[in-house]
Amino acid sequence: MKTQPLFEELLPNEANIITESSQDGKNTYLSGIFMQADIKNRNGRLYPTTEISEAVKIANNTIKERNGIMGELDHPESLTINLDRVSHIITEMGMNGSNAVGKARIINTPMGNIARELVNAGVGLGVSSRGAGQVSESGGVSGFQFVTVDIVAQPSAPNAYPQTVYESLNIARNGHQILDLAEAVREDPKAQKYLKREILEWLKTGLFLKK
């Protein structure tokens, strides 16, 4: 069997992502289910618990060695992590039954600031694992090589799926302004209130949805 890229999305109600703040209020964390095993997903693939638990073990080693694993806001179509789109750092991974659970800290980058304001605006967030492996004819996955877990936003409307956030912002009416504000927040805390307003206006346009 040939090794192939594997992207697996969990909807907000499946990932059960919760938001919490550090005691000093300076950091925002997202935690919940990052990957599922022993259940056939919507892509028709099934990850044995042994594959997921081994991936979690390797991920924890990486977290210790590199002080975390970087993830993006919306997953790209490749396994390469794009530094200009990093939004969070995975700080913890573990197993809860057949589920891989984790915790991620949203960081002060343009995409991280957008993710934080999406949370503040009440947008339901899901996750998408990114990796590679072999898939049998029956859908069983073997040789799973975990890369990261990305944040994805799933709209509640039936048959509506998100485009890449970065690309969507570039075509939206006020998208460039949002990206500029997301960058400005890193240097000017006063820009945060404007960022939230612009994101809410962008959400109203519906341009981030494929119909």
N, C-alpha and C. Protein backbone atom coordinates (compact mmCIF):
# COMPACT_ATOMS: atom_id res chain seq x y z
N MET A 1 0.84 -1.20 0.00
CA MET A 1 0.00 0.00 0.00
C MET A 1 0.87 1.25 0.00
N LYS A 2 0.41 2.26 -0.68
CA LYS A 2 1.15 3.51 -0.80
C LYS A 2 0.78 4.46 0.34
N THR A 3 1.80 5.13 0.88
CA THR A 3 1.55 6.15 1.91
C THR A 3 0.92 7.37 1.27
N GLN A 4 -0.12 7.90 1.89
CA GLN A 4 -0.84 9.05 1.34
C GLN A 4 -1.17 10.05 2.44
N PRO A 5 -1.34 11.33 2.06
CA PRO A 5 -1.74 12.33 3.06
C PRO A 5 -3.13 12.00 3.59
N LEU A 6 -3.33 12.24 4.88
CA LEU A 6 -4.62 11.96 5.52
C LEU A 6 -5.06 13.18 6.32
N PHE A 7 -6.24 13.70 5.99
CA PHE A 7 -6.83 14.82 6.72
C PHE A 7 -8.19 14.38 7.25
N GLU A 8 -8.39 14.47 8.56
CA GLU A 8 -9.63 14.00 9.16
C GLU A 8 -10.24 15.10 10.01
N GLU A 9 -11.42 15.59 9.64
CA GLU A 9 -12.07 16.67 10.37
C GLU A 9 -13.07 16.14 11.39
N LEU A 10 -13.11 16.81 12.52
CA LEU A 10 -14.13 16.56 13.53
C LEU A 10 -14.95 17.83 13.68
N LEU A 11 -16.27 17.70 13.58
CA LEU A 11 -17.16 18.84 13.73
C LEU A 11 -17.12 19.34 15.17
N PRO A 12 -17.57 20.59 15.41
CA PRO A 12 -17.57 21.11 16.78
C PRO A 12 -18.26 20.20 17.79
N ASN A 13 -19.40 19.60 17.40
CA ASN A 13 -20.11 18.73 18.34
C ASN A 13 -19.40 17.40 18.53
N GLU A 14 -18.48 17.04 17.62
CA GLU A 14 -17.71 15.81 17.77
C GLU A 14 -16.44 16.05 18.58
N ALA A 15 -15.80 17.19 18.33
CA ALA A 15 -14.55 17.49 19.01
C ALA A 15 -14.78 17.98 20.44
N ASN A 16 -15.98 18.53 20.69
CA ASN A 16 -16.31 19.06 22.02
C ASN A 16 -15.23 20.02 22.53
N ILE A 17 -14.82 20.93 21.67
CA ILE A 17 -13.78 21.89 22.03
C ILE A 17 -14.30 22.86 23.09
N ILE A 18 -13.53 23.02 24.14
CA ILE A 18 -13.86 24.00 25.17
C ILE A 18 -12.75 25.05 25.23
N THR A 19 -13.11 26.23 25.65
CA THR A 19 -12.16 27.34 25.74
C THR A 19 -11.89 27.66 27.20
N GLU A 20 -10.64 27.87 27.53
CA GLU A 20 -10.29 28.25 28.90
C GLU A 20 -9.15 29.26 28.85
N SER A 21 -9.05 30.06 29.89
CA SER A 21 -8.00 31.07 29.98
C SER A 21 -7.05 30.72 31.11
N SER A 22 -5.81 31.19 30.97
CA SER A 22 -4.84 30.99 32.03
C SER A 22 -5.24 31.85 33.24
N GLN A 23 -4.66 31.56 34.38
CA GLN A 23 -5.03 32.28 35.60
C GLN A 23 -4.76 33.77 35.49
N ASP A 24 -3.72 34.14 34.74
CA ASP A 24 -3.43 35.56 34.58
C ASP A 24 -4.23 36.19 33.45
N GLY A 25 -5.02 35.37 32.73
CA GLY A 25 -5.86 35.88 31.66
C GLY A 25 -5.13 36.25 30.38
N LYS A 26 -3.85 35.94 30.31
CA LYS A 26 -3.06 36.34 29.15
C LYS A 26 -3.09 35.30 28.02
N ASN A 27 -3.42 34.06 28.34
CA ASN A 27 -3.42 33.00 27.34
C ASN A 27 -4.79 32.36 27.20
N THR A 28 -5.13 31.97 25.97
CA THR A 28 -6.37 31.27 25.68
C THR A 28 -6.04 29.87 25.20
N TYR A 29 -6.71 28.87 25.78
CA TYR A 29 -6.46 27.48 25.41
C TYR A 29 -7.73 26.84 24.85
N LEU A 30 -7.55 25.94 23.91
CA LEU A 30 -8.63 25.12 23.39
C LEU A 30 -8.30 23.67 23.71
N SER A 31 -9.26 22.94 24.23
CA SER A 31 -9.02 21.53 24.54
C SER A 31 -10.23 20.71 24.14
N GLY A 32 -9.98 19.44 23.82
CA GLY A 32 -11.06 18.55 23.41
C GLY A 32 -10.52 17.33 22.70
N ILE A 33 -11.38 16.69 21.93
CA ILE A 33 -10.98 15.50 21.18
C ILE A 33 -10.27 15.93 19.90
N PHE A 34 -9.07 15.43 19.70
CA PHE A 34 -8.29 15.78 18.52
C PHE A 34 -8.35 14.70 17.44
N MET A 35 -8.46 13.42 17.85
CA MET A 35 -8.54 12.31 16.90
C MET A 35 -9.36 11.19 17.51
N GLN A 36 -10.00 10.39 16.65
CA GLN A 36 -10.80 9.28 17.13
C GLN A 36 -10.31 7.97 16.51
N ALA A 37 -10.40 6.90 17.30
CA ALA A 37 -9.99 5.57 16.83
C ALA A 37 -11.17 4.61 16.91
N ASP A 38 -11.01 3.49 16.20
CA ASP A 38 -11.98 2.38 16.24
C ASP A 38 -13.39 2.80 15.82
N ILE A 39 -13.48 3.81 14.96
CA ILE A 39 -14.77 4.21 14.41
C ILE A 39 -14.53 4.71 12.99
N LYS A 40 -15.32 4.25 12.04
CA LYS A 40 -15.15 4.67 10.65
C LYS A 40 -15.63 6.11 10.50
N ASN A 41 -14.75 6.98 10.03
CA ASN A 41 -15.10 8.39 9.92
C ASN A 41 -15.80 8.69 8.60
N ARG A 42 -16.13 9.96 8.38
CA ARG A 42 -16.90 10.34 7.20
C ARG A 42 -16.11 10.16 5.92
N ASN A 43 -14.78 9.98 6.04
CA ASN A 43 -13.96 9.68 4.87
C ASN A 43 -13.87 8.18 4.61
N GLY A 44 -14.57 7.39 5.42
CA GLY A 44 -14.56 5.95 5.24
C GLY A 44 -13.31 5.27 5.76
N ARG A 45 -12.56 5.98 6.61
CA ARG A 45 -11.32 5.43 7.14
C ARG A 45 -11.47 5.10 8.63
N LEU A 46 -10.77 4.05 9.05
CA LEU A 46 -10.81 3.62 10.45
C LEU A 46 -9.39 3.50 10.98
N TYR A 47 -9.13 4.23 12.08
CA TYR A 47 -7.83 4.22 12.72
C TYR A 47 -7.88 3.30 13.95
N PRO A 48 -7.11 2.23 13.98
CA PRO A 48 -7.07 1.39 15.18
C PRO A 48 -6.53 2.18 16.37
N THR A 49 -6.96 1.81 17.56
CA THR A 49 -6.48 2.50 18.76
C THR A 49 -4.96 2.43 18.88
N THR A 50 -4.38 1.32 18.45
CA THR A 50 -2.93 1.19 18.52
C THR A 50 -2.22 2.25 17.69
N GLU A 51 -2.80 2.60 16.52
CA GLU A 51 -2.21 3.62 15.66
C GLU A 51 -2.31 5.00 16.30
N ILE A 52 -3.48 5.30 16.86
CA ILE A 52 -3.68 6.62 17.47
C ILE A 52 -2.85 6.77 18.74
N SER A 53 -2.80 5.74 19.56
CA SER A 53 -2.03 5.83 20.80
C SER A 53 -0.54 5.97 20.52
N GLU A 54 -0.05 5.31 19.47
CA GLU A 54 1.35 5.45 19.10
C GLU A 54 1.62 6.86 18.58
N ALA A 55 0.67 7.41 17.82
CA ALA A 55 0.80 8.79 17.33
C ALA A 55 0.85 9.78 18.48
N VAL A 56 0.03 9.54 19.51
CA VAL A 56 0.01 10.41 20.69
C VAL A 56 1.35 10.32 21.42
N LYS A 57 1.88 9.13 21.53
CA LYS A 57 3.17 8.94 22.19
C LYS A 57 4.27 9.72 21.49
N ILE A 58 4.31 9.62 20.17
CA ILE A 58 5.32 10.33 19.38
C ILE A 58 5.09 11.84 19.47
N ALA A 59 3.82 12.26 19.44
CA ALA A 59 3.49 13.69 19.55
C ALA A 59 3.98 14.25 20.87
N ASN A 60 3.81 13.51 21.96
CA ASN A 60 4.27 13.98 23.26
C ASN A 60 5.78 14.11 23.31
N ASN A 61 6.48 13.22 22.64
CA ASN A 61 7.94 13.34 22.57
C ASN A 61 8.33 14.62 21.83
N THR A 62 7.60 14.90 20.74
CA THR A 62 7.86 16.12 19.97
C THR A 62 7.56 17.36 20.80
N ILE A 63 6.46 17.32 21.55
CA ILE A 63 6.09 18.46 22.41
C ILE A 63 7.20 18.74 23.42
N LYS A 64 7.76 17.69 23.99
CA LYS A 64 8.83 17.86 24.97
C LYS A 64 10.09 18.41 24.32
N GLU A 65 10.41 17.90 23.14
CA GLU A 65 11.64 18.31 22.46
C GLU A 65 11.56 19.72 21.90
N ARG A 66 10.38 20.11 21.40
CA ARG A 66 10.23 21.39 20.70
C ARG A 66 9.35 22.39 21.44
N ASN A 67 8.95 22.04 22.65
CA ASN A 67 8.10 22.92 23.44
C ASN A 67 6.74 23.14 22.79
N GLY A 68 6.25 22.12 22.07
CA GLY A 68 4.94 22.20 21.45
C GLY A 68 4.96 21.83 19.98
N ILE A 69 3.77 21.65 19.42
CA ILE A 69 3.61 21.35 17.99
C ILE A 69 2.76 22.45 17.38
N MET A 70 3.24 23.07 16.33
CA MET A 70 2.51 24.16 15.69
C MET A 70 1.33 23.64 14.86
N GLY A 71 0.24 24.40 14.86
CA GLY A 71 -0.93 24.09 14.04
C GLY A 71 -1.44 25.34 13.38
N GLU A 72 -2.29 25.18 12.36
CA GLU A 72 -2.77 26.31 11.58
C GLU A 72 -4.27 26.52 11.74
N LEU A 73 -4.73 27.70 11.34
CA LEU A 73 -6.15 28.01 11.26
C LEU A 73 -6.63 27.57 9.89
N ASP A 74 -7.43 26.49 9.85
CA ASP A 74 -7.81 25.77 8.63
C ASP A 74 -6.60 25.00 8.11
N HIS A 75 -6.83 23.75 7.76
CA HIS A 75 -5.70 22.94 7.30
C HIS A 75 -5.42 23.19 5.81
N PRO A 76 -4.16 23.18 5.42
CA PRO A 76 -3.81 23.33 4.01
C PRO A 76 -3.96 21.99 3.30
N GLU A 77 -3.57 21.95 2.04
CA GLU A 77 -3.67 20.71 1.28
C GLU A 77 -2.37 19.93 1.27
N SER A 78 -1.42 20.34 2.08
CA SER A 78 -0.14 19.63 2.15
C SER A 78 0.18 19.34 3.61
N LEU A 79 1.22 18.54 3.82
CA LEU A 79 1.62 18.18 5.17
C LEU A 79 2.60 19.18 5.77
N THR A 80 3.03 20.14 4.96
CA THR A 80 3.98 21.14 5.43
C THR A 80 3.29 22.20 6.27
N ILE A 81 3.88 22.53 7.40
CA ILE A 81 3.33 23.58 8.26
C ILE A 81 3.82 24.94 7.75
N ASN A 82 2.87 25.82 7.42
CA ASN A 82 3.19 27.15 6.91
C ASN A 82 3.30 28.12 8.07
N LEU A 83 4.49 28.67 8.27
CA LEU A 83 4.71 29.52 9.43
C LEU A 83 3.85 30.77 9.43
N ASP A 84 3.50 31.28 8.26
CA ASP A 84 2.69 32.50 8.20
C ASP A 84 1.23 32.26 8.54
N ARG A 85 0.84 30.98 8.72
CA ARG A 85 -0.55 30.66 9.02
C ARG A 85 -0.71 29.95 10.36
N VAL A 86 0.36 29.87 11.13
CA VAL A 86 0.28 29.21 12.43
C VAL A 86 -0.60 30.02 13.38
N SER A 87 -1.50 29.33 14.06
CA SER A 87 -2.44 30.01 14.96
C SER A 87 -2.35 29.51 16.40
N HIS A 88 -1.78 28.33 16.59
CA HIS A 88 -1.77 27.74 17.93
C HIS A 88 -0.61 26.77 18.09
N ILE A 89 -0.35 26.45 19.35
CA ILE A 89 0.68 25.48 19.70
C ILE A 89 0.03 24.39 20.54
N ILE A 90 0.16 23.15 20.09
CA ILE A 90 -0.35 22.01 20.87
C ILE A 90 0.60 21.77 22.02
N THR A 91 0.07 21.82 23.23
CA THR A 91 0.91 21.70 24.42
C THR A 91 0.73 20.38 25.16
N GLU A 92 -0.39 19.69 24.90
CA GLU A 92 -0.65 18.43 25.59
C GLU A 92 -1.39 17.47 24.67
N MET A 93 -1.08 16.18 24.80
CA MET A 93 -1.80 15.13 24.09
C MET A 93 -1.93 13.94 25.02
N GLY A 94 -3.03 13.22 24.91
CA GLY A 94 -3.23 12.05 25.73
C GLY A 94 -4.35 11.19 25.17
N MET A 95 -4.55 10.01 25.75
CA MET A 95 -5.62 9.12 25.34
C MET A 95 -6.72 9.11 26.39
N ASN A 96 -7.96 9.14 25.92
CA ASN A 96 -9.14 8.98 26.77
C ASN A 96 -10.00 7.91 26.12
N GLY A 97 -9.83 6.68 26.54
CA GLY A 97 -10.47 5.57 25.85
C GLY A 97 -9.87 5.42 24.47
N SER A 98 -10.71 5.47 23.43
CA SER A 98 -10.21 5.36 22.06
C SER A 98 -10.02 6.72 21.40
N ASN A 99 -10.17 7.78 22.17
CA ASN A 99 -10.00 9.14 21.64
C ASN A 99 -8.66 9.73 22.04
N ALA A 100 -8.06 10.46 21.11
CA ALA A 100 -6.88 11.26 21.43
C ALA A 100 -7.37 12.65 21.82
N VAL A 101 -7.06 13.07 23.03
CA VAL A 101 -7.48 14.38 23.50
C VAL A 101 -6.25 15.28 23.62
N GLY A 102 -6.47 16.56 23.47
CA GLY A 102 -5.32 17.46 23.51
C GLY A 102 -5.69 18.85 23.98
N LYS A 103 -4.67 19.65 24.12
CA LYS A 103 -4.82 21.04 24.54
C LYS A 103 -3.90 21.90 23.69
N ALA A 104 -4.41 23.03 23.24
CA ALA A 104 -3.63 23.92 22.38
C ALA A 104 -3.75 25.35 22.87
N ARG A 105 -2.65 26.08 22.81
CA ARG A 105 -2.63 27.48 23.22
C ARG A 105 -2.65 28.36 21.98
N ILE A 106 -3.65 29.24 21.91
CA ILE A 106 -3.72 30.19 20.79
C ILE A 106 -2.64 31.24 20.99
N ILE A 107 -1.86 31.49 19.95
CA ILE A 107 -0.72 32.39 20.08
C ILE A 107 -0.97 33.72 19.38
N ASN A 108 -0.13 34.68 19.68
CA ASN A 108 -0.30 36.05 19.21
C ASN A 108 0.31 36.24 17.82
N THR A 109 -0.32 35.58 16.83
CA THR A 109 0.03 35.74 15.42
C THR A 109 -1.21 36.25 14.70
N PRO A 110 -1.11 36.72 13.46
CA PRO A 110 -2.31 37.15 12.75
C PRO A 110 -3.41 36.08 12.73
N MET A 111 -3.05 34.83 12.41
CA MET A 111 -4.06 33.77 12.37
C MET A 111 -4.52 33.40 13.78
N GLY A 112 -3.62 33.48 14.75
CA GLY A 112 -4.00 33.21 16.12
C GLY A 112 -4.98 34.25 16.64
N ASN A 113 -4.75 35.51 16.29
CA ASN A 113 -5.66 36.58 16.71
C ASN A 113 -7.03 36.41 16.08
N ILE A 114 -7.07 35.96 14.82
CA ILE A 114 -8.35 35.71 14.17
C ILE A 114 -9.07 34.55 14.85
N ALA A 115 -8.33 33.48 15.16
CA ALA A 115 -8.93 32.34 15.85
C ALA A 115 -9.51 32.76 17.19
N ARG A 116 -8.77 33.58 17.93
CA ARG A 116 -9.23 34.03 19.24
C ARG A 116 -10.52 34.84 19.13
N GLU A 117 -10.58 35.72 18.12
CA GLU A 117 -11.77 36.54 17.97
C GLU A 117 -12.95 35.74 17.43
N LEU A 118 -12.69 34.68 16.64
CA LEU A 118 -13.77 33.79 16.22
C LEU A 118 -14.39 33.12 17.45
N VAL A 119 -13.52 32.70 18.38
CA VAL A 119 -14.00 32.11 19.63
C VAL A 119 -14.84 33.13 20.39
N ASN A 120 -14.34 34.36 20.51
CA ASN A 120 -15.06 35.41 21.22
C ASN A 120 -16.39 35.74 20.57
N ALA A 121 -16.45 35.55 19.24
CA ALA A 121 -17.69 35.85 18.51
C ALA A 121 -18.68 34.69 18.57
N GLY A 122 -18.29 33.60 19.23
CA GLY A 122 -19.21 32.48 19.40
C GLY A 122 -19.22 31.48 18.26
N VAL A 123 -18.23 31.54 17.37
CA VAL A 123 -18.17 30.59 16.25
C VAL A 123 -17.73 29.23 16.77
N GLY A 124 -18.47 28.18 16.41
CA GLY A 124 -18.10 26.83 16.81
C GLY A 124 -16.86 26.37 16.06
N LEU A 125 -15.88 25.87 16.77
CA LEU A 125 -14.64 25.43 16.15
C LEU A 125 -14.53 23.91 16.21
N GLY A 126 -14.03 23.34 15.14
CA GLY A 126 -13.71 21.93 15.09
C GLY A 126 -12.21 21.77 14.92
N VAL A 127 -11.77 20.55 14.69
CA VAL A 127 -10.36 20.29 14.50
C VAL A 127 -10.17 19.38 13.30
N SER A 128 -8.98 19.40 12.74
CA SER A 128 -8.64 18.54 11.62
C SER A 128 -7.24 18.00 11.83
N SER A 129 -7.13 16.69 12.00
CA SER A 129 -5.81 16.09 12.13
C SER A 129 -5.15 16.00 10.76
N ARG A 130 -3.82 16.09 10.78
CA ARG A 130 -3.05 16.08 9.54
C ARG A 130 -1.94 15.05 9.69
N GLY A 131 -1.83 14.15 8.74
CA GLY A 131 -0.80 13.13 8.82
C GLY A 131 -0.72 12.34 7.53
N ALA A 132 -0.10 11.17 7.59
CA ALA A 132 0.07 10.31 6.42
C ALA A 132 0.02 8.86 6.87
N GLY A 133 -0.33 7.98 5.95
CA GLY A 133 -0.40 6.56 6.29
C GLY A 133 -0.88 5.74 5.11
N GLN A 134 -0.99 4.45 5.34
CA GLN A 134 -1.50 3.54 4.32
C GLN A 134 -2.95 3.20 4.62
N VAL A 135 -3.77 3.11 3.58
CA VAL A 135 -5.19 2.81 3.74
C VAL A 135 -5.53 1.56 2.96
N SER A 136 -6.10 0.56 3.64
CA SER A 136 -6.49 -0.68 2.98
C SER A 136 -7.78 -0.49 2.20
N GLU A 137 -8.16 -1.50 1.42
CA GLU A 137 -9.38 -1.42 0.64
C GLU A 137 -10.61 -1.27 1.53
N SER A 138 -10.53 -1.81 2.73
CA SER A 138 -11.66 -1.70 3.66
C SER A 138 -11.65 -0.40 4.44
N GLY A 139 -10.61 0.42 4.26
CA GLY A 139 -10.53 1.71 4.94
C GLY A 139 -9.67 1.72 6.19
N GLY A 140 -9.08 0.59 6.55
CA GLY A 140 -8.23 0.54 7.72
C GLY A 140 -6.92 1.27 7.50
N VAL A 141 -6.52 2.07 8.48
CA VAL A 141 -5.30 2.87 8.37
C VAL A 141 -4.17 2.19 9.14
N SER A 142 -2.99 2.14 8.51
CA SER A 142 -1.80 1.59 9.16
C SER A 142 -0.62 2.50 8.88
N GLY A 143 0.40 2.39 9.72
CA GLY A 143 1.59 3.21 9.53
C GLY A 143 1.31 4.70 9.63
N PHE A 144 0.40 5.08 10.53
CA PHE A 144 -0.01 6.48 10.63
C PHE A 144 1.13 7.35 11.16
N GLN A 145 1.42 8.43 10.43
CA GLN A 145 2.46 9.38 10.81
C GLN A 145 1.80 10.72 11.10
N PHE A 146 1.68 11.04 12.37
CA PHE A 146 1.00 12.26 12.80
C PHE A 146 1.86 13.49 12.53
N VAL A 147 1.23 14.56 12.01
CA VAL A 147 1.92 15.83 11.78
C VAL A 147 1.43 16.89 12.77
N THR A 148 0.14 17.17 12.76
CA THR A 148 -0.40 18.18 13.66
C THR A 148 -1.92 18.11 13.67
N VAL A 149 -2.53 18.97 14.45
CA VAL A 149 -3.98 19.16 14.46
C VAL A 149 -4.25 20.64 14.21
N ASP A 150 -5.07 20.93 13.21
CA ASP A 150 -5.40 22.30 12.85
C ASP A 150 -6.78 22.67 13.37
N ILE A 151 -7.04 23.96 13.50
CA ILE A 151 -8.35 24.47 13.90
C ILE A 151 -9.16 24.73 12.64
N VAL A 152 -10.40 24.25 12.62
CA VAL A 152 -11.28 24.52 11.48
C VAL A 152 -12.61 25.05 12.00
N ALA A 153 -13.27 25.85 11.19
CA ALA A 153 -14.57 26.41 11.56
C ALA A 153 -15.62 25.78 10.67
N GLN A 154 -16.55 25.08 11.27
CA GLN A 154 -17.62 24.43 10.51
C GLN A 154 -18.92 25.18 10.70
N PRO A 155 -19.50 25.72 9.63
CA PRO A 155 -20.79 26.39 9.76
C PRO A 155 -21.89 25.39 10.04
N SER A 156 -23.00 25.87 10.63
CA SER A 156 -24.09 24.98 10.98
C SER A 156 -25.01 24.68 9.80
N ALA A 157 -24.95 25.50 8.75
CA ALA A 157 -25.83 25.30 7.60
C ALA A 157 -25.51 23.98 6.90
N PRO A 158 -26.54 23.20 6.52
CA PRO A 158 -26.29 21.94 5.82
C PRO A 158 -25.55 22.16 4.52
N ASN A 159 -24.64 21.25 4.20
CA ASN A 159 -23.87 21.26 2.94
C ASN A 159 -23.03 22.51 2.76
N ALA A 160 -22.73 23.22 3.84
CA ALA A 160 -21.88 24.40 3.76
C ALA A 160 -20.56 24.08 4.44
N TYR A 161 -19.46 24.25 3.71
CA TYR A 161 -18.15 23.92 4.24
C TYR A 161 -17.20 25.10 4.05
N PRO A 162 -16.23 25.25 4.96
CA PRO A 162 -15.36 26.42 4.89
C PRO A 162 -14.29 26.31 3.82
N GLN A 163 -13.95 27.44 3.22
CA GLN A 163 -12.77 27.53 2.40
C GLN A 163 -11.61 27.86 3.32
N THR A 164 -10.41 27.86 2.79
CA THR A 164 -9.27 28.26 3.59
C THR A 164 -9.46 29.69 4.06
N VAL A 165 -9.29 29.94 5.34
CA VAL A 165 -9.55 31.26 5.91
C VAL A 165 -8.72 32.33 5.22
N TYR A 166 -7.44 32.07 5.03
CA TYR A 166 -6.56 33.07 4.44
C TYR A 166 -7.04 33.45 3.04
N GLU A 167 -7.38 32.44 2.22
CA GLU A 167 -7.85 32.71 0.86
C GLU A 167 -9.18 33.45 0.89
N SER A 168 -10.06 33.06 1.81
CA SER A 168 -11.36 33.70 1.90
C SER A 168 -11.25 35.17 2.28
N LEU A 169 -10.33 35.48 3.20
CA LEU A 169 -10.14 36.86 3.60
C LEU A 169 -9.62 37.70 2.45
N ASN A 170 -8.82 37.09 1.58
CA ASN A 170 -8.26 37.84 0.46
C ASN A 170 -9.32 38.24 -0.56
N ILE A 171 -10.43 37.46 -0.63
CA ILE A 171 -11.46 37.79 -1.62
C ILE A 171 -12.63 38.52 -0.97
N ALA A 172 -12.70 38.51 0.35
CA ALA A 172 -13.82 39.18 1.02
C ALA A 172 -13.71 40.69 0.87
N ARG A 173 -14.86 41.37 0.95
CA ARG A 173 -14.92 42.81 0.75
C ARG A 173 -13.97 43.54 1.68
N ASN A 174 -13.94 43.16 2.95
CA ASN A 174 -13.06 43.82 3.91
C ASN A 174 -11.99 42.87 4.44
N GLY A 175 -11.68 41.85 3.64
CA GLY A 175 -10.74 40.83 4.09
C GLY A 175 -9.35 41.34 4.35
N HIS A 176 -8.82 42.18 3.46
CA HIS A 176 -7.47 42.71 3.65
C HIS A 176 -7.39 43.55 4.92
N GLN A 177 -8.47 44.24 5.23
CA GLN A 177 -8.50 45.05 6.45
C GLN A 177 -8.41 44.16 7.69
N ILE A 178 -9.09 43.01 7.64
CA ILE A 178 -9.03 42.08 8.76
C ILE A 178 -7.62 41.56 8.95
N LEU A 179 -6.96 41.18 7.84
CA LEU A 179 -5.58 40.68 7.94
C LEU A 179 -4.65 41.75 8.48
N ASP A 180 -4.84 42.99 8.02
CA ASP A 180 -4.01 44.08 8.52
C ASP A 180 -4.22 44.29 10.02
N LEU A 181 -5.49 44.20 10.45
CA LEU A 181 -5.78 44.38 11.87
C LEU A 181 -5.21 43.23 12.70
N ALA A 182 -5.28 42.02 12.15
CA ALA A 182 -4.74 40.87 12.86
C ALA A 182 -3.24 41.04 13.08
N GLU A 183 -2.58 41.62 12.10
CA GLU A 183 -1.14 41.89 12.24
C GLU A 183 -0.91 43.02 13.24
N ALA A 184 -1.79 44.03 13.21
CA ALA A 184 -1.62 45.19 14.08
C ALA A 184 -1.80 44.84 15.55
N VAL A 185 -2.64 43.86 15.83
CA VAL A 185 -2.90 43.47 17.22
C VAL A 185 -1.61 43.05 17.91
N ARG A 186 -0.67 42.53 17.14
CA ARG A 186 0.59 42.07 17.73
C ARG A 186 1.37 43.24 18.31
N GLU A 187 1.17 44.43 17.75
CA GLU A 187 1.94 45.59 18.18
C GLU A 187 1.10 46.61 18.94
N ASP A 188 -0.21 46.59 18.72
CA ASP A 188 -1.07 47.62 19.29
C ASP A 188 -2.32 46.98 19.90
N PRO A 189 -2.37 46.82 21.22
CA PRO A 189 -3.52 46.20 21.88
C PRO A 189 -4.84 46.91 21.58
N LYS A 190 -4.79 48.20 21.28
CA LYS A 190 -6.01 48.96 21.01
C LYS A 190 -6.70 48.46 19.75
N ALA A 191 -5.96 47.78 18.87
CA ALA A 191 -6.55 47.30 17.61
C ALA A 191 -7.46 46.10 17.81
N GLN A 192 -7.42 45.47 19.00
CA GLN A 192 -8.20 44.26 19.22
C GLN A 192 -9.70 44.47 19.05
N LYS A 193 -10.21 45.60 19.55
CA LYS A 193 -11.65 45.83 19.45
C LYS A 193 -12.09 45.99 17.99
N TYR A 194 -11.22 46.57 17.17
CA TYR A 194 -11.55 46.73 15.75
C TYR A 194 -11.49 45.39 15.02
N LEU A 195 -10.56 44.53 15.43
CA LEU A 195 -10.43 43.21 14.81
C LEU A 195 -11.72 42.42 14.99
N LYS A 196 -12.26 42.40 16.21
CA LYS A 196 -13.49 41.66 16.46
C LYS A 196 -14.63 42.19 15.61
N ARG A 197 -14.73 43.51 15.50
CA ARG A 197 -15.81 44.11 14.71
C ARG A 197 -15.71 43.71 13.24
N GLU A 198 -14.49 43.74 12.70
CA GLU A 198 -14.30 43.40 11.30
C GLU A 198 -14.57 41.93 11.04
N ILE A 199 -14.21 41.05 11.97
CA ILE A 199 -14.49 39.62 11.80
C ILE A 199 -16.00 39.38 11.78
N LEU A 200 -16.72 40.04 12.67
CA LEU A 200 -18.17 39.88 12.70
C LEU A 200 -18.79 40.35 11.39
N GLU A 201 -18.28 41.45 10.82
CA GLU A 201 -18.78 41.95 9.54
C GLU A 201 -18.47 40.95 8.43
N TRP A 202 -17.27 40.35 8.50
CA TRP A 202 -16.88 39.36 7.50
C TRP A 202 -17.78 38.13 7.57
N LEU A 203 -18.10 37.67 8.78
CA LEU A 203 -18.96 36.51 8.94
C LEU A 203 -20.34 36.77 8.34
N LYS A 204 -20.81 38.03 8.42
CA LYS A 204 -22.11 38.36 7.88
C LYS A 204 -22.15 38.26 6.36
N THR A 205 -20.99 38.45 5.70
CA THR A 205 -20.98 38.41 4.23
C THR A 205 -21.20 37.01 3.70
N GLY A 206 -20.81 35.99 4.50
CA GLY A 206 -20.98 34.62 4.03
C GLY A 206 -19.99 34.21 2.97
N LEU A 207 -18.99 35.05 2.67
CA LEU A 207 -18.03 34.74 1.61
C LEU A 207 -17.06 33.64 1.99
N PHE A 208 -17.05 33.23 3.25
CA PHE A 208 -16.15 32.16 3.64
C PHE A 208 -16.80 30.79 3.46
N LEU A 209 -18.04 30.75 2.91
CA LEU A 209 -18.74 29.49 2.70
C LEU A 209 -18.77 29.12 1.24
N LYS A 210 -18.70 27.84 0.96
CA LYS A 210 -18.95 27.31 -0.38
C LYS A 210 -20.40 26.90 -0.45
N LYS A 211 -21.09 27.39 -1.41
CA LYS A 211 -22.52 27.02 -1.55
C LYS A 211 -22.66 25.89 -2.57
